[in-house]
Amino acid sequence: MAYKISDACISCGSCADTCPQEAISEGDGQYVINPDKCISCGACAEQCPMSAISEE
Protein backbone atom coordinates (compact mmCIF):
# COMPACT_ATOMS: atom_id res chain seq x y z
CA MET A 1 0.00 0.00 0.00
CA ALA A 2 1.47 3.33 -1.06
CA TYR A 3 1.97 6.31 1.19
CA LYS A 4 0.21 9.64 0.71
CA ILE A 5 1.17 13.21 1.62
CA SER A 6 -1.52 15.28 3.35
CA ASP A 7 -2.26 19.00 3.22
CA ALA A 8 0.00 19.43 6.28
CA CYS A 9 2.98 19.29 3.87
CA ILE A 10 5.16 22.42 4.04
CA SER A 11 7.17 21.50 0.92
CA CYS A 12 10.47 21.19 2.78
CA GLY A 13 11.66 18.36 0.50
CA SER A 14 13.06 16.12 3.23
CA CYS A 15 10.81 13.26 2.13
CA ALA A 16 12.00 13.44 -1.49
CA ASP A 17 15.63 13.42 -0.38
CA THR A 18 14.98 10.29 1.72
CA CYS A 19 13.00 8.19 -0.78
CA PRO A 20 15.14 5.30 -2.13
CA GLN A 21 12.81 4.87 -5.13
CA GLU A 22 12.70 8.55 -6.13
CA ALA A 23 8.90 8.25 -5.94
CA ILE A 24 8.38 11.72 -4.45
CA SER A 25 8.35 14.91 -6.48
CA GLU A 26 7.33 18.50 -6.01
CA GLY A 27 3.71 18.98 -6.99
CA ASP A 28 1.45 22.00 -7.14
CA GLY A 29 1.82 23.49 -3.65
CA GLN A 30 3.08 20.33 -1.95
CA TYR A 31 5.06 17.18 -2.64
CA VAL A 32 3.35 14.11 -4.09
CA ILE A 33 4.14 10.39 -4.05
CA ASN A 34 3.91 8.32 -7.22
CA PRO A 35 2.05 5.17 -6.06
CA ASP A 36 3.51 3.13 -8.92
CA LYS A 37 7.06 3.76 -7.66
CA CYS A 38 6.37 3.70 -3.89
CA ILE A 39 7.50 0.48 -2.18
CA SER A 40 5.90 1.43 1.18
CA CYS A 41 9.19 1.41 3.05
CA GLY A 42 8.10 4.30 5.30
CA ALA A 43 11.38 6.22 5.09
CA CYS A 44 9.54 9.36 3.97
CA ALA A 45 7.05 9.22 6.85
CA GLU A 46 9.85 8.86 9.38
CA GLN A 47 11.69 11.87 7.93
CA CYS A 48 8.70 14.23 7.64
CA PRO A 49 8.90 16.98 10.30
CA MET A 50 5.17 17.69 9.98
CA SER A 51 3.96 14.05 10.16
CA ALA A 52 2.18 14.76 6.88
CA ILE A 53 2.81 11.32 5.36
CA SER A 54 0.82 8.18 6.11
CA GLU A 55 -0.27 4.97 4.43
CA GLU A 56 -3.37 5.23 2.26
PDB file of N, CA and C in Angstrom:
ATOM      1  N   MET A   1       0.848  -1.181   0.000  1.00  0.00           N
ATOM      2  CA  MET A   1       0.000   0.000   0.000  1.00  0.00           C
ATOM      3  C   MET A   1       0.894   1.243   0.000  1.00  0.00           C
ATOM      4  N   ALA A   2       0.658   2.129  -0.910  1.00  0.00           N
ATOM      5  CA  ALA A   2       1.472   3.333  -1.063  1.00  0.00           C
ATOM      6  C   ALA A   2       1.178   4.359   0.034  1.00  0.00           C
ATOM      7  N   TYR A   3       2.136   5.224   0.251  1.00  0.00           N
ATOM      8  CA  TYR A   3       1.974   6.314   1.194  1.00  0.00           C
ATOM      9  C   TYR A   3       1.383   7.523   0.486  1.00  0.00           C
ATOM     10  N   LYS A   4       0.823   8.436   1.259  1.00  0.00           N
ATOM     11  CA  LYS A   4       0.208   9.639   0.709  1.00  0.00           C
ATOM     12  C   LYS A   4       0.619  10.832   1.567  1.00  0.00           C
ATOM     13  N   ILE A   5       0.802  11.988   0.929  1.00  0.00           N
ATOM     14  CA  ILE A   5       1.174  13.211   1.623  1.00  0.00           C
ATOM     15  C   ILE A   5      -0.071  14.071   1.806  1.00  0.00           C
ATOM     16  N   SER A   6      -0.320  14.494   3.043  1.00  0.00           N
ATOM     17  CA  SER A   6      -1.516  15.282   3.350  1.00  0.00           C
ATOM     18  C   SER A   6      -1.281  16.772   3.135  1.00  0.00           C
ATOM     19  N   ASP A   7      -2.321  17.546   3.358  1.00  0.00           N
ATOM     20  CA  ASP A   7      -2.258  19.000   3.216  1.00  0.00           C
ATOM     21  C   ASP A   7      -1.357  19.656   4.263  1.00  0.00           C
ATOM     22  N   ALA A   8      -0.907  18.894   5.251  1.00  0.00           N
ATOM     23  CA  ALA A   8      -0.004  19.429   6.276  1.00  0.00           C
ATOM     24  C   ALA A   8       1.412  19.625   5.732  1.00  0.00           C
ATOM     25  N   CYS A   9       1.666  19.173   4.507  1.00  0.00           N
ATOM     26  CA  CYS A   9       2.981  19.293   3.869  1.00  0.00           C
ATOM     27  C   CYS A   9       3.386  20.760   3.744  1.00  0.00           C
ATOM     28  N   ILE A  10       4.634  21.054   4.145  1.00  0.00           N
ATOM     29  CA  ILE A  10       5.156  22.421   4.044  1.00  0.00           C
ATOM     30  C   ILE A  10       6.190  22.539   2.915  1.00  0.00           C
ATOM     31  N   SER A  11       6.268  21.525   2.079  1.00  0.00           N
ATOM     32  CA  SER A  11       7.173  21.499   0.919  1.00  0.00           C
ATOM     33  C   SER A  11       8.640  21.702   1.276  1.00  0.00           C
ATOM     34  N   CYS A  12       9.071  21.061   2.357  1.00  0.00           N
ATOM     35  CA  CYS A  12      10.471  21.194   2.776  1.00  0.00           C
ATOM     36  C   CYS A  12      11.399  20.309   1.946  1.00  0.00           C
ATOM     37  N   GLY A  13      10.861  19.233   1.347  1.00  0.00           N
ATOM     38  CA  GLY A  13      11.658  18.361   0.497  1.00  0.00           C
ATOM     39  C   GLY A  13      12.400  17.250   1.200  1.00  0.00           C
ATOM     40  N   SER A  14      12.306  17.159   2.510  1.00  0.00           N
ATOM     41  CA  SER A  14      13.057  16.120   3.226  1.00  0.00           C
ATOM     42  C   SER A  14      12.589  14.717   2.842  1.00  0.00           C
ATOM     43  N   CYS A  15      11.329  14.564   2.526  1.00  0.00           N
ATOM     44  CA  CYS A  15      10.812  13.256   2.125  1.00  0.00           C
ATOM     45  C   CYS A  15      11.407  12.825   0.788  1.00  0.00           C
ATOM     46  N   ALA A  16      11.466  13.749  -0.163  1.00  0.00           N
ATOM     47  CA  ALA A  16      12.002  13.442  -1.490  1.00  0.00           C
ATOM     48  C   ALA A  16      13.473  13.055  -1.408  1.00  0.00           C
ATOM     49  N   ASP A  17      14.208  13.720  -0.551  1.00  0.00           N
ATOM     50  CA  ASP A  17      15.628  13.416  -0.376  1.00  0.00           C
ATOM     51  C   ASP A  17      15.845  12.033   0.228  1.00  0.00           C
ATOM     52  N   THR A  18      14.874  11.548   1.003  1.00  0.00           N
ATOM     53  CA  THR A  18      14.982  10.288   1.716  1.00  0.00           C
ATOM     54  C   THR A  18      14.509   9.088   0.896  1.00  0.00           C
ATOM     55  N   CYS A  19      13.627   9.293  -0.052  1.00  0.00           N
ATOM     56  CA  CYS A  19      13.001   8.190  -0.784  1.00  0.00           C
ATOM     57  C   CYS A  19      14.009   7.412  -1.640  1.00  0.00           C
ATOM     58  N   PRO A  20      14.174   6.102  -1.365  1.00  0.00           N
ATOM     59  CA  PRO A  20      15.135   5.302  -2.130  1.00  0.00           C
ATOM     60  C   PRO A  20      14.660   4.997  -3.554  1.00  0.00           C
ATOM     61  N   GLN A  21      13.383   5.167  -3.819  1.00  0.00           N
ATOM     62  CA  GLN A  21      12.811   4.869  -5.134  1.00  0.00           C
ATOM     63  C   GLN A  21      12.604   6.112  -5.992  1.00  0.00           C
ATOM     64  N   GLU A  22      12.938   7.278  -5.444  1.00  0.00           N
ATOM     65  CA  GLU A  22      12.697   8.548  -6.126  1.00  0.00           C
ATOM     66  C   GLU A  22      11.235   8.663  -6.560  1.00  0.00           C
ATOM     67  N   ALA A  23      10.332   8.251  -5.661  1.00  0.00           N
ATOM     68  CA  ALA A  23       8.898   8.251  -5.937  1.00  0.00           C
ATOM     69  C   ALA A  23       8.221   9.556  -5.548  1.00  0.00           C
ATOM     70  N   ILE A  24       8.969  10.479  -4.947  1.00  0.00           N
ATOM     71  CA  ILE A  24       8.380  11.723  -4.452  1.00  0.00           C
ATOM     72  C   ILE A  24       8.904  12.896  -5.265  1.00  0.00           C
ATOM     73  N   SER A  25       7.969  13.729  -5.696  1.00  0.00           N
ATOM     74  CA  SER A  25       8.349  14.907  -6.480  1.00  0.00           C
ATOM     75  C   SER A  25       7.527  16.104  -6.031  1.00  0.00           C
ATOM     76  N   GLU A  26       8.019  17.283  -6.387  1.00  0.00           N
ATOM     77  CA  GLU A  26       7.326  18.502  -6.014  1.00  0.00           C
ATOM     78  C   GLU A  26       6.103  18.667  -6.905  1.00  0.00           C
ATOM     79  N   GLY A  27       4.949  18.788  -6.263  1.00  0.00           N
ATOM     80  CA  GLY A  27       3.706  18.981  -6.993  1.00  0.00           C
ATOM     81  C   GLY A  27       3.266  20.426  -6.916  1.00  0.00           C
ATOM     82  N   ASP A  28       2.017  20.660  -7.164  1.00  0.00           N
ATOM     83  CA  ASP A  28       1.450  22.001  -7.140  1.00  0.00           C
ATOM     84  C   ASP A  28       1.112  22.390  -5.703  1.00  0.00           C
ATOM     85  N   GLY A  29       2.049  23.043  -5.022  1.00  0.00           N
ATOM     86  CA  GLY A  29       1.815  23.489  -3.649  1.00  0.00           C
ATOM     87  C   GLY A  29       2.326  22.557  -2.573  1.00  0.00           C
ATOM     88  N   GLN A  30       2.539  21.288  -2.903  1.00  0.00           N
ATOM     89  CA  GLN A  30       3.084  20.333  -1.945  1.00  0.00           C
ATOM     90  C   GLN A  30       3.683  19.161  -2.705  1.00  0.00           C
ATOM     91  N   TYR A  31       4.444  18.346  -2.009  1.00  0.00           N
ATOM     92  CA  TYR A  31       5.056  17.183  -2.637  1.00  0.00           C
ATOM     93  C   TYR A  31       4.017  16.079  -2.820  1.00  0.00           C
ATOM     94  N   VAL A  32       4.247  15.220  -3.800  1.00  0.00           N
ATOM     95  CA  VAL A  32       3.346  14.112  -4.088  1.00  0.00           C
ATOM     96  C   VAL A  32       4.153  12.826  -4.237  1.00  0.00           C
ATOM     97  N   ILE A  33       3.507  11.703  -3.946  1.00  0.00           N
ATOM     98  CA  ILE A  33       4.137  10.392  -4.051  1.00  0.00           C
ATOM     99  C   ILE A  33       3.519   9.642  -5.225  1.00  0.00           C
ATOM    100  N   ASN A  34       4.368   9.128  -6.100  1.00  0.00           N
ATOM    101  CA  ASN A  34       3.907   8.316  -7.223  1.00  0.00           C
ATOM    102  C   ASN A  34       3.636   6.913  -6.687  1.00  0.00           C
ATOM    103  N   PRO A  35       2.368   6.483  -6.633  1.00  0.00           N
ATOM    104  CA  PRO A  35       2.046   5.173  -6.056  1.00  0.00           C
ATOM    105  C   PRO A  35       2.623   4.003  -6.840  1.00  0.00           C
ATOM    106  N   ASP A  36       2.934   4.206  -8.118  1.00  0.00           N
ATOM    107  CA  ASP A  36       3.514   3.134  -8.922  1.00  0.00           C
ATOM    108  C   ASP A  36       4.983   2.889  -8.593  1.00  0.00           C
ATOM    109  N   LYS A  37       5.650   3.899  -8.044  1.00  0.00           N
ATOM    110  CA  LYS A  37       7.059   3.764  -7.665  1.00  0.00           C
ATOM    111  C   LYS A  37       7.242   3.461  -6.177  1.00  0.00           C
ATOM    112  N   CYS A  38       6.272   3.850  -5.346  1.00  0.00           N
ATOM    113  CA  CYS A  38       6.371   3.698  -3.890  1.00  0.00           C
ATOM    114  C   CYS A  38       6.406   2.219  -3.500  1.00  0.00           C
ATOM    115  N   ILE A  39       7.379   1.859  -2.660  1.00  0.00           N
ATOM    116  CA  ILE A  39       7.498   0.478  -2.178  1.00  0.00           C
ATOM    117  C   ILE A  39       7.052   0.360  -0.721  1.00  0.00           C
ATOM    118  N   SER A  40       6.439   1.415  -0.180  1.00  0.00           N
ATOM    119  CA  SER A  40       5.896   1.433   1.183  1.00  0.00           C
ATOM    120  C   SER A  40       6.935   1.128   2.245  1.00  0.00           C
ATOM    121  N   CYS A  41       8.135   1.662   2.069  1.00  0.00           N
ATOM    122  CA  CYS A  41       9.194   1.414   3.045  1.00  0.00           C
ATOM    123  C   CYS A  41       9.029   2.287   4.303  1.00  0.00           C
ATOM    124  N   GLY A  42       8.341   3.429   4.164  1.00  0.00           N
ATOM    125  CA  GLY A  42       8.098   4.297   5.304  1.00  0.00           C
ATOM    126  C   GLY A  42       9.201   5.291   5.613  1.00  0.00           C
ATOM    127  N   ALA A  43      10.269   5.293   4.835  1.00  0.00           N
ATOM    128  CA  ALA A  43      11.381   6.219   5.089  1.00  0.00           C
ATOM    129  C   ALA A  43      10.914   7.670   5.040  1.00  0.00           C
ATOM    130  N   CYS A  44      10.031   7.982   4.117  1.00  0.00           N
ATOM    131  CA  CYS A  44       9.544   9.360   3.972  1.00  0.00           C
ATOM    132  C   CYS A  44       8.738   9.789   5.198  1.00  0.00           C
ATOM    133  N   ALA A  45       7.886   8.903   5.687  1.00  0.00           N
ATOM    134  CA  ALA A  45       7.046   9.222   6.846  1.00  0.00           C
ATOM    135  C   ALA A  45       7.900   9.467   8.088  1.00  0.00           C
ATOM    136  N   GLU A  46       8.957   8.685   8.241  1.00  0.00           N
ATOM    137  CA  GLU A  46       9.851   8.855   9.382  1.00  0.00           C
ATOM    138  C   GLU A  46      10.600  10.184   9.311  1.00  0.00           C
ATOM    139  N   GLN A  47      10.908  10.642   8.123  1.00  0.00           N
ATOM    140  CA  GLN A  47      11.694  11.871   7.932  1.00  0.00           C
ATOM    141  C   GLN A  47      10.850  13.142   8.000  1.00  0.00           C
ATOM    142  N   CYS A  48       9.565  13.057   7.728  1.00  0.00           N
ATOM    143  CA  CYS A  48       8.701  14.234   7.636  1.00  0.00           C
ATOM    144  C   CYS A  48       8.568  14.964   8.976  1.00  0.00           C
ATOM    145  N   PRO A  49       8.981  16.243   9.043  1.00  0.00           N
ATOM    146  CA  PRO A  49       8.904  16.979  10.300  1.00  0.00           C
ATOM    147  C   PRO A  49       7.480  17.380  10.675  1.00  0.00           C
ATOM    148  N   MET A  50       6.559  17.301   9.730  1.00  0.00           N
ATOM    149  CA  MET A  50       5.170  17.687   9.978  1.00  0.00           C
ATOM    150  C   MET A  50       4.237  16.496  10.166  1.00  0.00           C
ATOM    151  N   SER A  51       4.769  15.288  10.108  1.00  0.00           N
ATOM    152  CA  SER A  51       3.960  14.053  10.164  1.00  0.00           C
ATOM    153  C   SER A  51       2.846  14.097   9.134  1.00  0.00           C
ATOM    154  N   ALA A  52       3.161  14.579   7.937  1.00  0.00           N
ATOM    155  CA  ALA A  52       2.182  14.758   6.882  1.00  0.00           C
ATOM    156  C   ALA A  52       2.065  13.548   5.954  1.00  0.00           C
ATOM    157  N   ILE A  53       2.808  12.476   6.246  1.00  0.00           N
ATOM    158  CA  ILE A  53       2.811  11.315   5.364  1.00  0.00           C
ATOM    159  C   ILE A  53       2.308  10.086   6.119  1.00  0.00           C
ATOM    160  N   SER A  54       1.354   9.388   5.494  1.00  0.00           N
ATOM    161  CA  SER A  54       0.816   8.180   6.106  1.00  0.00           C
ATOM    162  C   SER A  54       0.419   7.207   5.000  1.00  0.00           C
ATOM    163  N   GLU A  55       0.175   5.958   5.396  1.00  0.00           N
ATOM    164  CA  GLU A  55      -0.270   4.966   4.434  1.00  0.00           C
ATOM    165  C   GLU A  55      -1.707   5.266   4.023  1.00  0.00           C
ATOM    166  N   GLU A  56      -2.002   5.010   2.749  1.00  0.00           N
ATOM    167  CA  GLU A  56      -3.367   5.232   2.259  1.00  0.00           C
ATOM    168  C   GLU A  56      -4.303   4.224   2.857  1.00  0.00           C
TER     169      GLU A  56
END
